[in-house]
Amino acid sequence: MVIETVDILIIVSDISIRSVETAATISKSAKKFTKYKKFGVILNRVKGDIDYIMEKLEDLKLPLLAKIPEDDIVTEYELKGKPIIEIPENSRSFLAINKIIKDLFEFQ
């Protein structure tokens, strides 16, 4: 089943080259089969120097919507099997995701 129309098409990628290249493949398929008003990539678990990844996104014509930083709290929750929904509101990833949601709703 293919969704024919969406307002925003978001592809979430980690900072590996393989993941970014997969995002490009998904983007190509989406352009063929789906109509959308806005499109972009959200980079997840961002840490360190990502200049090369940023260049790769640009080369592949993948607009960056946002970055979610690597968050030790999320890692701790994953290791302990704790629900991510209970993550503290002051965690780096929570704050980033909250901003992304606000920005996306402003778009609409």
C-alpha atoms as a PDB file:
ATOM      1  CA  MET A   1       0.000   0.000   0.000  1.00  0.00           C
ATOM      2  CA  VAL A   2       1.294   3.458  -0.901  1.00  0.00           C
ATOM      3  CA  ILE A   3       0.075   6.622   0.775  1.00  0.00           C
ATOM      4  CA  GLU A   4      -0.580   8.967  -2.122  1.00  0.00           C
ATOM      5  CA  THR A   5      -0.615  12.346  -0.354  1.00  0.00           C
ATOM      6  CA  VAL A   6       0.937  13.656   2.875  1.00  0.00           C
ATOM      7  CA  ASP A   7       1.618  17.126   4.221  1.00  0.00           C
ATOM      8  CA  ILE A   8       5.110  16.366   5.479  1.00  0.00           C
ATOM      9  CA  LEU A   9       7.340  13.470   4.495  1.00  0.00           C
ATOM     10  CA  ILE A  10       9.996  12.871   7.148  1.00  0.00           C
ATOM     11  CA  ILE A  11      12.818  10.374   6.857  1.00  0.00           C
ATOM     12  CA  VAL A  12      14.698   9.677  10.086  1.00  0.00           C
ATOM     13  CA  SER A  13      18.324   8.653   9.635  1.00  0.00           C
ATOM     14  CA  ASP A  14      21.226   8.041  11.930  1.00  0.00           C
ATOM     15  CA  ILE A  15      24.604   9.585  11.104  1.00  0.00           C
ATOM     16  CA  SER A  16      25.995   6.618   9.164  1.00  0.00           C
ATOM     17  CA  ILE A  17      26.636   6.874   5.432  1.00  0.00           C
ATOM     18  CA  ARG A  18      24.595   3.718   4.836  1.00  0.00           C
ATOM     19  CA  SER A  19      21.584   5.225   6.593  1.00  0.00           C
ATOM     20  CA  VAL A  20      21.856   8.508   4.670  1.00  0.00           C
ATOM     21  CA  GLU A  21      22.120   6.609   1.375  1.00  0.00           C
ATOM     22  CA  THR A  22      19.038   4.592   2.359  1.00  0.00           C
ATOM     23  CA  ALA A  23      17.244   7.886   3.034  1.00  0.00           C
ATOM     24  CA  ALA A  24      18.127   8.958  -0.518  1.00  0.00           C
ATOM     25  CA  THR A  25      16.651   5.729  -1.903  1.00  0.00           C
ATOM     26  CA  ILE A  26      13.467   6.248   0.116  1.00  0.00           C
ATOM     27  CA  SER A  27      13.316   9.833  -1.154  1.00  0.00           C
ATOM     28  CA  LYS A  28      13.486   8.679  -4.778  1.00  0.00           C
ATOM     29  CA  SER A  29      10.644   6.207  -4.241  1.00  0.00           C
ATOM     30  CA  ALA A  30       8.571   8.821  -2.434  1.00  0.00           C
ATOM     31  CA  LYS A  31       8.989  11.282  -5.305  1.00  0.00           C
ATOM     32  CA  LYS A  32       7.558   8.685  -7.685  1.00  0.00           C
ATOM     33  CA  PHE A  33       4.595   7.589  -5.607  1.00  0.00           C
ATOM     34  CA  THR A  34       3.692  10.277  -3.059  1.00  0.00           C
ATOM     35  CA  LYS A  35       2.680  13.929  -3.207  1.00  0.00           C
ATOM     36  CA  TYR A  36       3.867  16.058  -0.295  1.00  0.00           C
ATOM     37  CA  LYS A  37       4.097  19.717   0.685  1.00  0.00           C
ATOM     38  CA  LYS A  38       7.320  19.477   2.656  1.00  0.00           C
ATOM     39  CA  PHE A  39      10.080  16.887   2.770  1.00  0.00           C
ATOM     40  CA  GLY A  40      13.237  16.431   4.767  1.00  0.00           C
ATOM     41  CA  VAL A  41      15.521  14.328   6.888  1.00  0.00           C
ATOM     42  CA  ILE A  42      15.859  14.280  10.647  1.00  0.00           C
ATOM     43  CA  LEU A  43      19.249  13.053  11.831  1.00  0.00           C
ATOM     44  CA  ASN A  44      19.016  10.983  15.001  1.00  0.00           C
ATOM     45  CA  ARG A  45      21.681  10.232  17.636  1.00  0.00           C
ATOM     46  CA  VAL A  46      23.940  13.010  16.399  1.00  0.00           C
ATOM     47  CA  LYS A  47      27.344  13.306  18.022  1.00  0.00           C
ATOM     48  CA  GLY A  48      30.812  14.423  17.042  1.00  0.00           C
ATOM     49  CA  ASP A  49      31.860  15.969  13.756  1.00  0.00           C
ATOM     50  CA  ILE A  50      29.183  15.337  11.139  1.00  0.00           C
ATOM     51  CA  ASP A  51      30.493  17.679   8.433  1.00  0.00           C
ATOM     52  CA  TYR A  52      30.899  14.770   6.001  1.00  0.00           C
ATOM     53  CA  ILE A  53      27.309  13.636   6.618  1.00  0.00           C
ATOM     54  CA  MET A  54      26.057  17.190   6.098  1.00  0.00           C
ATOM     55  CA  GLU A  55      27.925  17.335   2.771  1.00  0.00           C
ATOM     56  CA  LYS A  56      26.485  13.953   1.808  1.00  0.00           C
ATOM     57  CA  LEU A  57      22.943  15.173   2.545  1.00  0.00           C
ATOM     58  CA  GLU A  58      23.573  18.208   0.356  1.00  0.00           C
ATOM     59  CA  ASP A  59      25.069  16.098  -2.458  1.00  0.00           C
ATOM     60  CA  LEU A  60      22.035  13.804  -2.353  1.00  0.00           C
ATOM     61  CA  LYS A  61      19.667  16.802  -2.284  1.00  0.00           C
ATOM     62  CA  LEU A  62      18.201  15.745   1.047  1.00  0.00           C
ATOM     63  CA  PRO A  63      17.093  18.792   3.055  1.00  0.00           C
ATOM     64  CA  LEU A  64      17.852  18.617   6.758  1.00  0.00           C
ATOM     65  CA  LEU A  65      14.825  19.355   8.937  1.00  0.00           C
ATOM     66  CA  ALA A  66      16.481  18.835  12.311  1.00  0.00           C
ATOM     67  CA  LYS A  67      19.052  17.000  14.401  1.00  0.00           C
ATOM     68  CA  ILE A  68      18.383  14.973  17.534  1.00  0.00           C
ATOM     69  CA  PRO A  69      21.499  14.696  19.693  1.00  0.00           C
ATOM     70  CA  GLU A  70      22.889  11.479  21.133  1.00  0.00           C
ATOM     71  CA  ASP A  71      21.455  11.264  24.634  1.00  0.00           C
ATOM     72  CA  ASP A  72      22.909   9.158  27.442  1.00  0.00           C
ATOM     73  CA  ILE A  73      19.523   9.158  29.158  1.00  0.00           C
ATOM     74  CA  VAL A  74      17.915   7.448  26.155  1.00  0.00           C
ATOM     75  CA  THR A  75      20.713   4.871  26.087  1.00  0.00           C
ATOM     76  CA  GLU A  76      20.228   4.220  29.809  1.00  0.00           C
ATOM     77  CA  TYR A  77      16.474   3.795  29.344  1.00  0.00           C
ATOM     78  CA  GLU A  78      17.024   1.398  26.435  1.00  0.00           C
ATOM     79  CA  LEU A  79      19.505  -0.715  28.417  1.00  0.00           C
ATOM     80  CA  LYS A  80      17.179  -0.944  31.410  1.00  0.00           C
ATOM     81  CA  GLY A  81      14.047  -1.573  29.346  1.00  0.00           C
ATOM     82  CA  LYS A  82      12.410   1.589  30.651  1.00  0.00           C
ATOM     83  CA  PRO A  83       9.712   3.188  28.479  1.00  0.00           C
ATOM     84  CA  ILE A  84      11.120   6.068  26.429  1.00  0.00           C
ATOM     85  CA  ILE A  85       7.843   7.918  26.973  1.00  0.00           C
ATOM     86  CA  GLU A  86       8.999   8.447  30.577  1.00  0.00           C
ATOM     87  CA  ILE A  87      12.189  10.248  29.585  1.00  0.00           C
ATOM     88  CA  PRO A  88      12.740  13.456  31.589  1.00  0.00           C
ATOM     89  CA  GLU A  89      11.600  16.668  29.923  1.00  0.00           C
ATOM     90  CA  ASN A  90      15.055  18.194  30.401  1.00  0.00           C
ATOM     91  CA  SER A  91      16.863  15.507  28.404  1.00  0.00           C
ATOM     92  CA  ARG A  92      18.647  16.680  25.259  1.00  0.00           C
ATOM     93  CA  SER A  93      16.662  14.429  22.947  1.00  0.00           C
ATOM     94  CA  PHE A  94      13.312  15.339  24.533  1.00  0.00           C
ATOM     95  CA  LEU A  95      14.033  19.050  24.075  1.00  0.00           C
ATOM     96  CA  ALA A  96      15.100  18.525  20.448  1.00  0.00           C
ATOM     97  CA  ILE A  97      12.043  16.433  19.594  1.00  0.00           C
ATOM     98  CA  ASN A  98       9.748  18.924  21.307  1.00  0.00           C
ATOM     99  CA  LYS A  99      11.210  21.713  19.138  1.00  0.00           C
ATOM    100  CA  ILE A 100      10.824  19.606  15.985  1.00  0.00           C
ATOM    101  CA  ILE A 101       7.148  19.003  16.762  1.00  0.00           C
ATOM    102  CA  LYS A 102       6.529  22.700  17.385  1.00  0.00           C
ATOM    103  CA  ASP A 103       8.335  23.649  14.156  1.00  0.00           C
ATOM    104  CA  LEU A 104       6.374  21.098  12.114  1.00  0.00           C
ATOM    105  CA  PHE A 105       3.039  22.300  13.468  1.00  0.00           C
ATOM    106  CA  GLU A 106       3.997  25.887  12.626  1.00  0.00           C
ATOM    107  CA  PHE A 107       4.490  24.707   9.042  1.00  0.00           C
ATOM    108  CA  GLN A 108       0.872  23.613   8.843  1.00  0.00           C
END
